[in-house]
């Protein structure tokens, strides 16, 4: 992703919100024979009081995650720099949504790339990440399932996983949400995405409305 000021997303709180709501990430490592790519859940790191942590340079969010030990070995996790990609709301925008001309199709999106070298977690910290991951994704359920309900089995599986913490040294994030369009035109796109358009996308419409500011 090009590092351009246009559409840059730099607010640490917005980045944390993006990670909380879109925890299925892509982990990429540059290996000698080509990139190694894994898909995995990630969470915001937390401090001793349970709050979110951030690195010392700029307040950007730190992450924790886990993957199968065999995959971690392929990445040589902890030995090389990685990129974690967080994909937020995104979708196709048809020119017909603008109700104006001339326009062409485009793709609106929110995405963040977090770069750095992860630290490998020990067995206890890895198990804590597993427990927190379950709790995070079970939160919306009326009766959340807990990992501790199958502790012996969960611990046997945890032995074959590798947990990590990534405190990013560089974050590149964008929210391309029609900010370059006239306010009334961008508002019509958001309305279409929130309505009954064939490309209906309420989450993307919500993201667009958060950045829309009327112009004189």
N, C-alpha and C. Protein backbone atom coordinates (compact mmCIF):
# COMPACT_ATOMS: atom_id res chain seq x y z
N UNK A 1 0.85 -1.19 0.00
CA UNK A 1 0.00 0.00 0.00
C UNK A 1 0.88 1.24 0.00
N UNK A 2 0.60 2.18 -0.90
CA UNK A 2 1.40 3.39 -1.01
C UNK A 2 1.26 4.24 0.25
N UNK A 3 2.38 4.75 0.73
CA UNK A 3 2.37 5.63 1.89
C UNK A 3 2.14 7.06 1.42
N UNK A 4 0.89 7.44 1.32
CA UNK A 4 0.52 8.77 0.87
C UNK A 4 -0.31 9.45 1.95
N UNK A 5 -0.22 10.79 2.00
CA UNK A 5 -1.00 11.53 2.99
C UNK A 5 -2.50 11.44 2.69
N UNK A 6 -2.85 11.30 1.40
CA UNK A 6 -4.24 11.22 1.02
C UNK A 6 -4.91 10.00 1.66
N UNK A 7 -5.98 10.24 2.37
CA UNK A 7 -6.77 9.19 3.03
C UNK A 7 -6.04 8.52 4.19
N UNK A 8 -4.93 9.07 4.65
CA UNK A 8 -4.18 8.45 5.74
C UNK A 8 -5.03 8.37 7.01
N UNK A 9 -4.94 7.24 7.70
CA UNK A 9 -5.62 7.03 8.96
C UNK A 9 -4.55 7.00 10.05
N UNK A 10 -4.51 8.04 10.87
CA UNK A 10 -3.42 8.18 11.84
C UNK A 10 -3.90 8.23 13.29
N UNK A 11 -5.18 8.29 13.51
CA UNK A 11 -5.72 8.38 14.87
C UNK A 11 -5.56 7.03 15.57
N UNK A 12 -4.76 6.96 16.66
CA UNK A 12 -4.57 5.67 17.34
C UNK A 12 -5.87 5.05 17.82
N UNK A 13 -6.81 5.86 18.28
CA UNK A 13 -8.07 5.31 18.75
C UNK A 13 -8.87 4.67 17.62
N UNK A 14 -8.83 5.29 16.43
CA UNK A 14 -9.52 4.71 15.29
C UNK A 14 -8.85 3.39 14.87
N UNK A 15 -7.53 3.35 14.97
CA UNK A 15 -6.82 2.11 14.65
C UNK A 15 -7.17 1.00 15.64
N UNK A 16 -7.27 1.34 16.91
CA UNK A 16 -7.66 0.34 17.90
C UNK A 16 -9.07 -0.17 17.62
N UNK A 17 -9.96 0.75 17.28
CA UNK A 17 -11.32 0.36 16.95
C UNK A 17 -11.36 -0.58 15.74
N UNK A 18 -10.52 -0.28 14.74
CA UNK A 18 -10.43 -1.13 13.56
C UNK A 18 -10.00 -2.55 13.93
N UNK A 19 -9.00 -2.66 14.78
CA UNK A 19 -8.48 -3.98 15.18
C UNK A 19 -9.51 -4.72 16.03
N UNK A 20 -10.17 -4.02 16.95
CA UNK A 20 -11.18 -4.68 17.78
C UNK A 20 -12.30 -5.29 16.93
N UNK A 21 -12.70 -4.56 15.90
CA UNK A 21 -13.83 -5.00 15.11
C UNK A 21 -13.49 -5.93 13.96
N UNK A 22 -12.19 -6.09 13.65
CA UNK A 22 -11.79 -6.89 12.49
C UNK A 22 -10.54 -7.69 12.85
N UNK A 23 -10.74 -8.69 13.71
CA UNK A 23 -9.63 -9.43 14.27
C UNK A 23 -9.10 -10.58 13.43
N UNK A 24 -9.69 -10.81 12.24
CA UNK A 24 -9.16 -11.87 11.37
C UNK A 24 -8.14 -11.23 10.43
N UNK A 25 -6.85 -11.48 10.67
CA UNK A 25 -5.77 -10.73 10.04
C UNK A 25 -4.94 -11.61 9.11
N UNK A 26 -4.04 -10.97 8.39
CA UNK A 26 -3.08 -11.65 7.52
C UNK A 26 -1.68 -11.33 8.04
N UNK A 27 -0.88 -12.36 8.24
CA UNK A 27 0.50 -12.23 8.69
C UNK A 27 1.42 -12.58 7.52
N UNK A 28 2.33 -11.66 7.17
CA UNK A 28 3.21 -11.85 6.02
C UNK A 28 4.66 -11.71 6.47
N UNK A 29 5.48 -12.68 6.10
CA UNK A 29 6.91 -12.64 6.36
C UNK A 29 7.66 -12.79 5.04
N UNK A 30 8.67 -11.98 4.82
CA UNK A 30 9.50 -12.08 3.62
C UNK A 30 10.59 -13.12 3.85
N UNK A 31 10.46 -14.26 3.18
CA UNK A 31 11.45 -15.33 3.28
C UNK A 31 12.36 -15.31 2.06
N UNK A 32 13.45 -16.08 2.13
CA UNK A 32 14.42 -16.10 1.04
C UNK A 32 13.82 -16.61 -0.27
N UNK A 33 12.88 -17.55 -0.17
CA UNK A 33 12.30 -18.14 -1.37
C UNK A 33 10.89 -17.61 -1.66
N UNK A 34 10.54 -16.48 -1.07
CA UNK A 34 9.24 -15.87 -1.31
C UNK A 34 8.50 -15.62 -0.02
N UNK A 35 7.38 -14.88 -0.08
CA UNK A 35 6.65 -14.55 1.14
C UNK A 35 5.96 -15.76 1.75
N UNK A 36 5.88 -15.75 3.08
CA UNK A 36 5.11 -16.74 3.83
C UNK A 36 3.88 -16.00 4.37
N UNK A 37 2.69 -16.55 4.11
CA UNK A 37 1.45 -15.86 4.45
C UNK A 37 0.55 -16.77 5.28
N UNK A 38 0.05 -16.24 6.39
CA UNK A 38 -0.90 -16.97 7.23
C UNK A 38 -2.08 -16.08 7.56
N UNK A 39 -3.23 -16.71 7.79
CA UNK A 39 -4.44 -16.01 8.25
C UNK A 39 -4.68 -16.43 9.69
N UNK A 40 -4.96 -15.46 10.55
CA UNK A 40 -5.04 -15.78 11.97
C UNK A 40 -5.78 -14.68 12.72
N UNK A 41 -6.33 -15.00 13.91
CA UNK A 41 -6.97 -13.97 14.73
C UNK A 41 -5.94 -13.20 15.54
N UNK A 42 -6.19 -11.91 15.70
CA UNK A 42 -5.32 -11.07 16.52
C UNK A 42 -6.18 -10.23 17.45
N UNK A 43 -5.56 -9.78 18.53
CA UNK A 43 -6.22 -8.93 19.52
C UNK A 43 -5.31 -7.77 19.85
N UNK A 44 -5.89 -6.71 20.38
CA UNK A 44 -5.07 -5.66 20.96
C UNK A 44 -4.37 -6.21 22.20
N UNK A 45 -3.12 -5.81 22.38
CA UNK A 45 -2.40 -6.17 23.60
C UNK A 45 -3.04 -5.41 24.76
N UNK A 46 -2.74 -5.83 25.96
CA UNK A 46 -3.31 -5.14 27.12
C UNK A 46 -2.26 -5.03 28.21
N UNK A 47 -2.45 -4.03 29.07
CA UNK A 47 -1.52 -3.86 30.18
C UNK A 47 -2.00 -4.65 31.39
N UNK A 48 -1.31 -4.49 32.50
CA UNK A 48 -1.65 -5.26 33.69
C UNK A 48 -3.03 -4.98 34.24
N UNK A 49 -3.61 -3.82 33.93
CA UNK A 49 -4.93 -3.47 34.43
C UNK A 49 -6.04 -3.89 33.48
N UNK A 50 -5.67 -4.53 32.36
CA UNK A 50 -6.66 -4.97 31.40
C UNK A 50 -6.92 -4.00 30.28
N UNK A 51 -6.25 -2.84 30.32
CA UNK A 51 -6.45 -1.85 29.27
C UNK A 51 -5.56 -2.12 28.07
N UNK A 52 -5.87 -1.45 26.95
CA UNK A 52 -5.07 -1.60 25.74
C UNK A 52 -3.71 -0.95 25.93
N UNK A 53 -2.67 -1.59 25.41
CA UNK A 53 -1.34 -1.00 25.43
C UNK A 53 -1.04 -0.40 24.07
N UNK A 54 0.02 0.39 24.01
CA UNK A 54 0.49 0.93 22.75
C UNK A 54 1.99 1.09 22.86
N UNK A 55 2.63 1.19 21.70
CA UNK A 55 4.08 1.30 21.77
C UNK A 55 4.48 2.69 22.24
N UNK A 56 5.77 2.89 22.49
CA UNK A 56 6.24 4.14 23.04
C UNK A 56 6.36 5.24 22.01
N UNK A 57 6.32 4.88 20.71
CA UNK A 57 6.53 5.87 19.66
C UNK A 57 5.23 6.15 18.92
N UNK A 58 4.49 7.14 19.42
CA UNK A 58 3.30 7.57 18.69
C UNK A 58 2.00 6.96 19.16
N UNK A 59 2.04 6.10 20.18
CA UNK A 59 0.80 5.58 20.70
C UNK A 59 0.08 4.60 19.80
N UNK A 60 0.77 3.95 18.87
CA UNK A 60 0.12 3.02 17.98
C UNK A 60 -0.15 1.68 18.67
N UNK A 61 -1.20 0.99 18.28
CA UNK A 61 -1.60 -0.22 19.00
C UNK A 61 -0.63 -1.37 18.83
N UNK A 62 -0.43 -2.11 19.92
CA UNK A 62 0.33 -3.36 19.87
C UNK A 62 -0.65 -4.53 19.81
N UNK A 63 -0.20 -5.63 19.20
CA UNK A 63 -1.06 -6.78 18.96
C UNK A 63 -0.53 -8.02 19.65
N UNK A 64 -1.43 -8.94 19.94
CA UNK A 64 -1.05 -10.31 20.29
C UNK A 64 -1.85 -11.24 19.38
N UNK A 65 -1.30 -12.42 19.15
CA UNK A 65 -1.98 -13.40 18.31
C UNK A 65 -1.35 -14.76 18.50
N UNK A 66 -1.86 -15.73 17.78
CA UNK A 66 -1.30 -17.07 17.85
C UNK A 66 -1.51 -17.78 16.52
N UNK A 67 -0.69 -18.77 16.28
CA UNK A 67 -0.83 -19.61 15.10
C UNK A 67 -0.21 -20.97 15.41
N UNK A 68 -0.48 -21.94 14.56
CA UNK A 68 0.07 -23.28 14.77
C UNK A 68 1.59 -23.22 14.82
N UNK A 69 2.18 -24.01 15.68
CA UNK A 69 3.64 -23.99 15.82
C UNK A 69 4.34 -24.29 14.50
N UNK A 70 3.78 -25.20 13.72
CA UNK A 70 4.38 -25.53 12.42
C UNK A 70 4.39 -24.31 11.50
N UNK A 71 3.30 -23.52 11.53
CA UNK A 71 3.25 -22.30 10.73
C UNK A 71 4.25 -21.27 11.24
N UNK A 72 4.35 -21.16 12.56
CA UNK A 72 5.31 -20.21 13.14
C UNK A 72 6.74 -20.54 12.72
N UNK A 73 7.02 -21.82 12.62
CA UNK A 73 8.36 -22.24 12.19
C UNK A 73 8.59 -21.87 10.73
N UNK A 74 7.57 -21.99 9.89
CA UNK A 74 7.71 -21.59 8.49
C UNK A 74 7.99 -20.09 8.38
N UNK A 75 7.35 -19.31 9.24
CA UNK A 75 7.58 -17.86 9.24
C UNK A 75 8.93 -17.52 9.88
N UNK A 76 9.50 -18.47 10.62
CA UNK A 76 10.65 -18.18 11.49
C UNK A 76 10.30 -17.00 12.38
N UNK A 77 9.14 -17.15 12.98
CA UNK A 77 8.56 -16.07 13.79
C UNK A 77 9.49 -15.68 14.92
N UNK A 78 9.69 -14.40 15.08
CA UNK A 78 10.60 -13.87 16.08
C UNK A 78 11.98 -13.58 15.55
N UNK A 79 12.30 -14.13 14.36
CA UNK A 79 13.62 -13.91 13.77
C UNK A 79 13.58 -12.87 12.65
N UNK A 80 12.41 -12.64 12.08
CA UNK A 80 12.29 -11.76 10.92
C UNK A 80 11.20 -10.73 11.15
N UNK A 81 11.29 -9.65 10.41
CA UNK A 81 10.23 -8.64 10.44
C UNK A 81 9.01 -9.17 9.70
N UNK A 82 7.85 -8.75 10.16
CA UNK A 82 6.60 -9.20 9.57
C UNK A 82 5.71 -7.99 9.29
N UNK A 83 4.66 -8.23 8.53
CA UNK A 83 3.60 -7.26 8.34
C UNK A 83 2.28 -7.94 8.68
N UNK A 84 1.49 -7.30 9.52
CA UNK A 84 0.15 -7.78 9.83
C UNK A 84 -0.84 -6.84 9.16
N UNK A 85 -1.73 -7.41 8.34
CA UNK A 85 -2.72 -6.64 7.60
C UNK A 85 -4.08 -6.78 8.28
N UNK A 86 -4.67 -5.65 8.64
CA UNK A 86 -6.00 -5.62 9.21
C UNK A 86 -6.94 -5.02 8.17
N UNK A 87 -7.89 -5.80 7.68
CA UNK A 87 -8.82 -5.33 6.66
C UNK A 87 -10.15 -4.97 7.30
N UNK A 88 -10.50 -3.69 7.21
CA UNK A 88 -11.76 -3.23 7.75
C UNK A 88 -12.87 -3.27 6.73
N UNK A 89 -13.91 -2.48 6.90
CA UNK A 89 -15.01 -2.49 5.93
C UNK A 89 -14.52 -2.04 4.56
N UNK A 90 -15.06 -2.68 3.52
CA UNK A 90 -14.65 -2.33 2.17
C UNK A 90 -15.72 -2.78 1.20
N UNK A 91 -15.72 -2.21 0.00
CA UNK A 91 -16.71 -2.64 -0.97
C UNK A 91 -16.71 -1.82 -2.24
N UNK A 92 -17.37 -2.34 -3.23
CA UNK A 92 -17.49 -1.74 -4.56
C UNK A 92 -18.44 -0.55 -4.52
N UNK A 93 -18.04 0.50 -5.23
CA UNK A 93 -18.89 1.69 -5.38
C UNK A 93 -19.18 1.89 -6.86
N UNK A 94 -20.45 1.78 -7.22
CA UNK A 94 -20.87 1.96 -8.61
C UNK A 94 -21.07 3.44 -8.93
N UNK A 95 -20.73 3.89 -10.14
CA UNK A 95 -20.99 5.28 -10.51
C UNK A 95 -22.46 5.67 -10.38
N UNK A 96 -23.36 4.70 -10.50
CA UNK A 96 -24.78 5.02 -10.39
C UNK A 96 -25.15 5.49 -8.99
N UNK A 97 -24.34 5.14 -7.99
CA UNK A 97 -24.63 5.59 -6.63
C UNK A 97 -24.42 7.08 -6.45
N UNK A 98 -23.57 7.68 -7.28
CA UNK A 98 -23.26 9.10 -7.14
C UNK A 98 -24.44 9.98 -7.55
N UNK A 99 -25.26 9.49 -8.48
CA UNK A 99 -26.35 10.29 -9.05
C UNK A 99 -25.78 11.61 -9.59
N UNK A 100 -24.61 11.52 -10.18
CA UNK A 100 -23.92 12.67 -10.79
C UNK A 100 -22.93 12.11 -11.79
N UNK A 101 -22.34 12.97 -12.59
CA UNK A 101 -21.40 12.54 -13.62
C UNK A 101 -20.40 13.66 -13.87
N UNK A 102 -19.19 13.34 -14.34
CA UNK A 102 -18.69 12.01 -14.71
C UNK A 102 -17.98 11.34 -13.54
N UNK A 103 -18.25 10.08 -13.33
CA UNK A 103 -17.56 9.28 -12.33
C UNK A 103 -17.30 7.89 -12.91
N UNK A 104 -16.39 7.17 -12.30
CA UNK A 104 -16.09 5.79 -12.69
C UNK A 104 -16.17 4.91 -11.44
N UNK A 105 -16.25 3.59 -11.60
CA UNK A 105 -16.30 2.72 -10.42
C UNK A 105 -15.04 2.85 -9.56
N UNK A 106 -15.20 2.57 -8.29
CA UNK A 106 -14.06 2.58 -7.37
C UNK A 106 -14.32 1.58 -6.26
N UNK A 107 -13.36 1.45 -5.37
CA UNK A 107 -13.48 0.56 -4.21
C UNK A 107 -13.15 1.37 -2.97
N UNK A 108 -14.07 1.49 -2.05
CA UNK A 108 -13.82 2.17 -0.78
C UNK A 108 -13.36 1.14 0.25
N UNK A 109 -12.50 1.58 1.18
CA UNK A 109 -11.96 0.60 2.12
C UNK A 109 -11.32 1.27 3.32
N UNK A 110 -11.15 0.46 4.37
CA UNK A 110 -10.36 0.83 5.54
C UNK A 110 -9.39 -0.32 5.78
N UNK A 111 -8.09 0.00 5.89
CA UNK A 111 -7.09 -1.06 6.05
C UNK A 111 -5.88 -0.51 6.80
N UNK A 112 -5.19 -1.39 7.53
CA UNK A 112 -3.98 -1.00 8.25
C UNK A 112 -2.91 -2.08 8.07
N UNK A 113 -1.68 -1.64 7.87
CA UNK A 113 -0.51 -2.52 7.80
C UNK A 113 0.37 -2.20 9.00
N UNK A 114 0.62 -3.17 9.85
CA UNK A 114 1.46 -2.99 11.03
C UNK A 114 2.76 -3.77 10.81
N UNK A 115 3.88 -3.05 10.84
CA UNK A 115 5.19 -3.64 10.54
C UNK A 115 6.03 -3.72 11.81
N UNK A 116 6.79 -4.80 11.94
CA UNK A 116 7.69 -4.93 13.06
C UNK A 116 8.17 -6.36 13.21
N UNK A 117 8.96 -6.59 14.26
CA UNK A 117 9.47 -7.93 14.55
C UNK A 117 8.81 -8.44 15.82
N UNK A 118 8.00 -9.49 15.73
CA UNK A 118 7.25 -9.95 16.91
C UNK A 118 8.14 -10.63 17.95
N UNK A 119 7.66 -10.61 19.17
CA UNK A 119 8.28 -11.35 20.27
C UNK A 119 7.47 -12.63 20.50
N UNK A 120 8.18 -13.75 20.69
CA UNK A 120 7.52 -15.03 20.95
C UNK A 120 7.12 -15.09 22.43
N UNK A 121 5.92 -15.57 22.70
CA UNK A 121 5.43 -15.67 24.06
C UNK A 121 5.71 -17.06 24.62
N UNK A 122 5.84 -17.13 25.94
CA UNK A 122 6.04 -18.44 26.57
C UNK A 122 4.70 -19.18 26.65
N UNK A 123 4.72 -20.38 27.20
CA UNK A 123 3.53 -21.23 27.19
C UNK A 123 2.37 -20.61 27.95
N UNK A 124 2.66 -20.02 29.12
CA UNK A 124 1.58 -19.42 29.92
C UNK A 124 0.97 -18.22 29.20
N UNK A 125 1.81 -17.36 28.62
CA UNK A 125 1.31 -16.18 27.92
C UNK A 125 0.55 -16.58 26.66
N UNK A 126 1.01 -17.63 25.99
CA UNK A 126 0.30 -18.13 24.81
C UNK A 126 -1.09 -18.61 25.19
N UNK A 127 -1.18 -19.36 26.29
CA UNK A 127 -2.49 -19.85 26.72
C UNK A 127 -3.41 -18.68 27.08
N UNK A 128 -2.85 -17.63 27.67
CA UNK A 128 -3.65 -16.45 27.99
C UNK A 128 -4.19 -15.80 26.72
N UNK A 129 -3.38 -15.77 25.66
CA UNK A 129 -3.85 -15.23 24.38
C UNK A 129 -4.98 -16.08 23.83
N UNK A 130 -4.85 -17.40 23.94
CA UNK A 130 -5.91 -18.28 23.48
C UNK A 130 -7.21 -18.02 24.24
N UNK A 131 -7.09 -17.90 25.56
CA UNK A 131 -8.27 -17.64 26.38
C UNK A 131 -8.90 -16.30 26.02
N UNK A 132 -8.09 -15.28 25.86
CA UNK A 132 -8.62 -13.96 25.53
C UNK A 132 -9.26 -13.95 24.14
N UNK A 133 -8.68 -14.70 23.22
CA UNK A 133 -9.24 -14.76 21.87
C UNK A 133 -10.64 -15.36 21.90
N UNK A 134 -10.79 -16.45 22.65
CA UNK A 134 -12.11 -17.05 22.79
C UNK A 134 -13.09 -16.07 23.42
N UNK A 135 -12.67 -15.43 24.51
CA UNK A 135 -13.55 -14.49 25.20
C UNK A 135 -13.97 -13.34 24.28
N UNK A 136 -13.03 -12.86 23.48
CA UNK A 136 -13.33 -11.73 22.59
C UNK A 136 -14.42 -12.09 21.59
N UNK A 137 -14.29 -13.25 20.96
CA UNK A 137 -15.24 -13.60 19.92
C UNK A 137 -16.53 -14.23 20.47
N UNK A 138 -16.52 -14.62 21.74
CA UNK A 138 -17.74 -15.16 22.36
C UNK A 138 -18.58 -14.07 23.02
N UNK A 139 -18.05 -12.86 23.11
CA UNK A 139 -18.71 -11.80 23.88
C UNK A 139 -20.16 -11.57 23.45
N UNK A 140 -20.43 -11.61 22.15
CA UNK A 140 -21.76 -11.29 21.65
C UNK A 140 -22.78 -12.39 21.90
N UNK A 141 -22.34 -13.57 22.27
CA UNK A 141 -23.26 -14.68 22.46
C UNK A 141 -23.98 -14.56 23.80
N UNK A 142 -25.26 -14.93 23.88
CA UNK A 142 -26.00 -14.78 25.13
C UNK A 142 -25.39 -15.59 26.27
N UNK A 143 -24.81 -16.74 25.96
CA UNK A 143 -24.13 -17.55 26.96
C UNK A 143 -22.73 -17.89 26.44
N UNK A 144 -21.77 -16.98 26.63
CA UNK A 144 -20.43 -17.17 26.07
C UNK A 144 -19.79 -18.48 26.55
N UNK A 145 -19.18 -19.19 25.59
CA UNK A 145 -18.43 -20.40 25.90
C UNK A 145 -17.04 -20.00 26.39
N UNK A 146 -16.50 -20.73 27.34
CA UNK A 146 -15.19 -20.39 27.91
C UNK A 146 -14.20 -21.53 27.68
N UNK A 147 -12.97 -21.15 27.39
CA UNK A 147 -11.92 -22.15 27.16
C UNK A 147 -11.68 -22.98 28.41
N UNK A 148 -11.84 -22.37 29.57
CA UNK A 148 -11.59 -23.09 30.82
C UNK A 148 -12.59 -24.21 31.06
N UNK A 149 -13.63 -24.30 30.24
CA UNK A 149 -14.58 -25.41 30.41
C UNK A 149 -14.00 -26.73 29.89
N UNK A 150 -12.90 -26.65 29.14
CA UNK A 150 -12.23 -27.86 28.63
C UNK A 150 -10.73 -27.72 28.84
N UNK A 151 -10.34 -27.32 30.02
CA UNK A 151 -8.95 -26.97 30.30
C UNK A 151 -7.94 -28.06 29.89
N UNK A 152 -8.10 -29.30 30.30
CA UNK A 152 -7.08 -30.31 29.92
C UNK A 152 -6.94 -30.44 28.40
N UNK A 153 -8.06 -30.50 27.70
CA UNK A 153 -8.01 -30.62 26.24
C UNK A 153 -7.40 -29.37 25.62
N UNK A 154 -7.81 -28.19 26.10
CA UNK A 154 -7.29 -26.94 25.55
C UNK A 154 -5.79 -26.83 25.76
N UNK A 155 -5.31 -27.25 26.92
CA UNK A 155 -3.88 -27.17 27.20
C UNK A 155 -3.09 -28.12 26.29
N UNK A 156 -3.67 -29.27 25.96
CA UNK A 156 -2.97 -30.20 25.07
C UNK A 156 -2.84 -29.62 23.67
N UNK A 157 -3.86 -28.87 23.23
CA UNK A 157 -3.79 -28.22 21.93
C UNK A 157 -2.86 -27.01 21.97
N UNK A 158 -2.90 -26.27 23.07
CA UNK A 158 -2.07 -25.07 23.20
C UNK A 158 -0.59 -25.40 23.07
N UNK A 159 -0.21 -26.62 23.43
CA UNK A 159 1.19 -27.02 23.33
C UNK A 159 1.69 -27.01 21.88
N UNK A 160 0.77 -27.01 20.93
CA UNK A 160 1.15 -27.04 19.51
C UNK A 160 0.90 -25.68 18.84
N UNK A 161 0.77 -24.64 19.65
CA UNK A 161 0.57 -23.29 19.11
C UNK A 161 1.70 -22.38 19.60
N UNK A 162 1.87 -21.28 18.88
CA UNK A 162 2.88 -20.28 19.24
C UNK A 162 2.20 -18.93 19.35
N UNK A 163 2.31 -18.33 20.51
CA UNK A 163 1.78 -16.98 20.70
C UNK A 163 2.85 -15.94 20.45
N UNK A 164 2.42 -14.75 20.08
CA UNK A 164 3.38 -13.67 19.82
C UNK A 164 2.78 -12.32 20.19
N UNK A 165 3.67 -11.37 20.40
CA UNK A 165 3.29 -9.98 20.62
C UNK A 165 4.02 -9.13 19.58
N UNK A 166 3.28 -8.28 18.89
CA UNK A 166 3.88 -7.38 17.90
C UNK A 166 3.67 -5.94 18.35
N UNK A 167 4.77 -5.29 18.70
CA UNK A 167 4.76 -3.85 18.96
C UNK A 167 5.27 -3.18 17.69
N UNK A 168 4.40 -2.61 16.88
CA UNK A 168 4.81 -2.14 15.56
C UNK A 168 5.81 -0.99 15.61
N UNK A 169 6.77 -1.05 14.72
CA UNK A 169 7.71 0.06 14.56
C UNK A 169 7.23 1.02 13.47
N UNK A 170 6.27 0.56 12.67
CA UNK A 170 5.71 1.41 11.62
C UNK A 170 4.29 0.94 11.32
N UNK A 171 3.39 1.91 11.20
CA UNK A 171 2.00 1.62 10.87
C UNK A 171 1.59 2.47 9.67
N UNK A 172 1.06 1.81 8.65
CA UNK A 172 0.53 2.51 7.48
C UNK A 172 -0.94 2.14 7.38
N UNK A 173 -1.83 3.11 7.48
CA UNK A 173 -3.26 2.84 7.46
C UNK A 173 -3.98 3.88 6.61
N UNK A 174 -5.05 3.43 5.98
CA UNK A 174 -5.84 4.32 5.12
C UNK A 174 -7.32 4.07 5.34
N UNK A 175 -8.09 5.14 5.15
CA UNK A 175 -9.55 4.99 5.06
C UNK A 175 -10.01 5.82 3.85
N UNK A 176 -10.10 5.13 2.72
CA UNK A 176 -10.53 5.75 1.47
C UNK A 176 -12.05 5.62 1.41
N UNK A 177 -12.74 6.71 1.72
CA UNK A 177 -14.18 6.65 1.94
C UNK A 177 -14.91 7.80 1.24
N UNK A 178 -14.45 8.12 0.03
CA UNK A 178 -15.06 9.18 -0.79
C UNK A 178 -14.91 10.57 -0.18
N UNK A 179 -13.85 10.77 0.65
CA UNK A 179 -13.62 12.10 1.21
C UNK A 179 -13.31 13.13 0.14
N UNK A 180 -12.83 12.67 -1.04
CA UNK A 180 -12.47 13.60 -2.10
C UNK A 180 -13.67 14.03 -2.95
N UNK A 181 -14.85 13.47 -2.66
CA UNK A 181 -16.04 13.81 -3.41
C UNK A 181 -16.82 14.92 -2.70
N UNK A 182 -17.64 15.70 -3.43
CA UNK A 182 -18.51 16.67 -2.77
C UNK A 182 -19.37 15.98 -1.71
N UNK A 183 -19.66 16.69 -0.63
CA UNK A 183 -20.36 16.07 0.50
C UNK A 183 -21.68 15.45 0.09
N UNK A 184 -22.46 16.15 -0.75
CA UNK A 184 -23.76 15.61 -1.12
C UNK A 184 -23.62 14.34 -1.96
N UNK A 185 -22.59 14.27 -2.78
CA UNK A 185 -22.36 13.09 -3.61
C UNK A 185 -21.94 11.91 -2.73
N UNK A 186 -20.99 12.14 -1.81
CA UNK A 186 -20.54 11.07 -0.91
C UNK A 186 -21.69 10.60 -0.03
N UNK A 187 -22.56 11.52 0.39
CA UNK A 187 -23.70 11.14 1.22
C UNK A 187 -24.65 10.23 0.46
N UNK A 188 -24.83 10.48 -0.84
CA UNK A 188 -25.70 9.61 -1.63
C UNK A 188 -25.11 8.21 -1.75
N UNK A 189 -23.79 8.13 -1.86
CA UNK A 189 -23.15 6.81 -1.91
C UNK A 189 -23.39 6.06 -0.59
N UNK A 190 -23.20 6.75 0.54
CA UNK A 190 -23.43 6.11 1.83
C UNK A 190 -24.88 5.67 1.97
N UNK A 191 -25.81 6.50 1.51
CA UNK A 191 -27.23 6.14 1.58
C UNK A 191 -27.52 4.89 0.75
N UNK A 192 -26.90 4.82 -0.44
CA UNK A 192 -27.11 3.65 -1.30
C UNK A 192 -26.56 2.39 -0.64
N UNK A 193 -25.38 2.49 -0.05
CA UNK A 193 -24.76 1.34 0.60
C UNK A 193 -25.55 0.90 1.83
N UNK A 194 -26.23 1.84 2.49
CA UNK A 194 -27.01 1.50 3.67
C UNK A 194 -28.43 1.06 3.32
N UNK A 195 -28.85 1.25 2.06
CA UNK A 195 -30.21 0.94 1.65
C UNK A 195 -30.35 -0.41 1.00
N UNK A 196 -31.10 -0.43 -0.10
CA UNK A 196 -31.40 -1.71 -0.76
C UNK A 196 -30.64 -1.89 -2.07
N UNK A 197 -29.52 -1.19 -2.23
CA UNK A 197 -28.69 -1.34 -3.42
C UNK A 197 -28.17 -2.78 -3.51
N UNK A 198 -27.99 -3.32 -4.74
CA UNK A 198 -27.44 -4.67 -4.87
C UNK A 198 -26.08 -4.84 -4.19
N UNK A 199 -25.33 -3.75 -4.05
CA UNK A 199 -24.04 -3.81 -3.36
C UNK A 199 -24.17 -3.27 -1.93
N UNK A 200 -25.30 -3.53 -1.32
CA UNK A 200 -25.58 -3.04 0.03
C UNK A 200 -24.45 -3.41 0.99
N UNK A 201 -24.01 -2.42 1.79
CA UNK A 201 -22.86 -2.63 2.67
C UNK A 201 -22.99 -1.67 3.85
N UNK A 202 -23.85 -1.96 4.83
CA UNK A 202 -24.09 -1.02 5.93
C UNK A 202 -22.84 -0.65 6.72
N UNK A 203 -21.93 -1.61 6.90
CA UNK A 203 -20.72 -1.30 7.67
C UNK A 203 -19.86 -0.27 6.95
N UNK A 204 -19.74 -0.40 5.63
CA UNK A 204 -18.99 0.59 4.86
C UNK A 204 -19.71 1.93 4.88
N UNK A 205 -21.04 1.93 4.78
CA UNK A 205 -21.80 3.18 4.85
C UNK A 205 -21.55 3.89 6.18
N UNK A 206 -21.52 3.13 7.27
CA UNK A 206 -21.26 3.72 8.59
C UNK A 206 -19.87 4.35 8.64
N UNK A 207 -18.88 3.64 8.10
CA UNK A 207 -17.52 4.18 8.09
C UNK A 207 -17.45 5.47 7.28
N UNK A 208 -18.16 5.52 6.15
CA UNK A 208 -18.17 6.73 5.32
C UNK A 208 -18.78 7.90 6.07
N UNK A 209 -19.88 7.66 6.75
CA UNK A 209 -20.57 8.75 7.45
C UNK A 209 -19.73 9.32 8.60
N UNK A 210 -18.82 8.52 9.16
CA UNK A 210 -17.97 9.01 10.23
C UNK A 210 -16.97 10.05 9.74
N UNK A 211 -16.62 10.00 8.45
CA UNK A 211 -15.61 10.94 7.94
C UNK A 211 -16.20 12.04 7.08
N UNK A 212 -17.50 12.00 6.82
CA UNK A 212 -18.11 13.00 5.96
C UNK A 212 -18.31 14.32 6.72
N UNK A 213 -17.74 15.37 6.16
CA UNK A 213 -17.87 16.70 6.75
C UNK A 213 -18.40 17.64 5.68
N UNK A 214 -19.55 18.29 5.91
CA UNK A 214 -20.09 19.19 4.87
C UNK A 214 -19.09 20.29 4.50
N UNK A 215 -19.02 20.59 3.23
CA UNK A 215 -18.14 21.66 2.75
C UNK A 215 -18.96 22.87 2.36
N UNK A 216 -18.34 24.05 2.48
CA UNK A 216 -19.01 25.27 2.05
C UNK A 216 -19.12 25.30 0.53
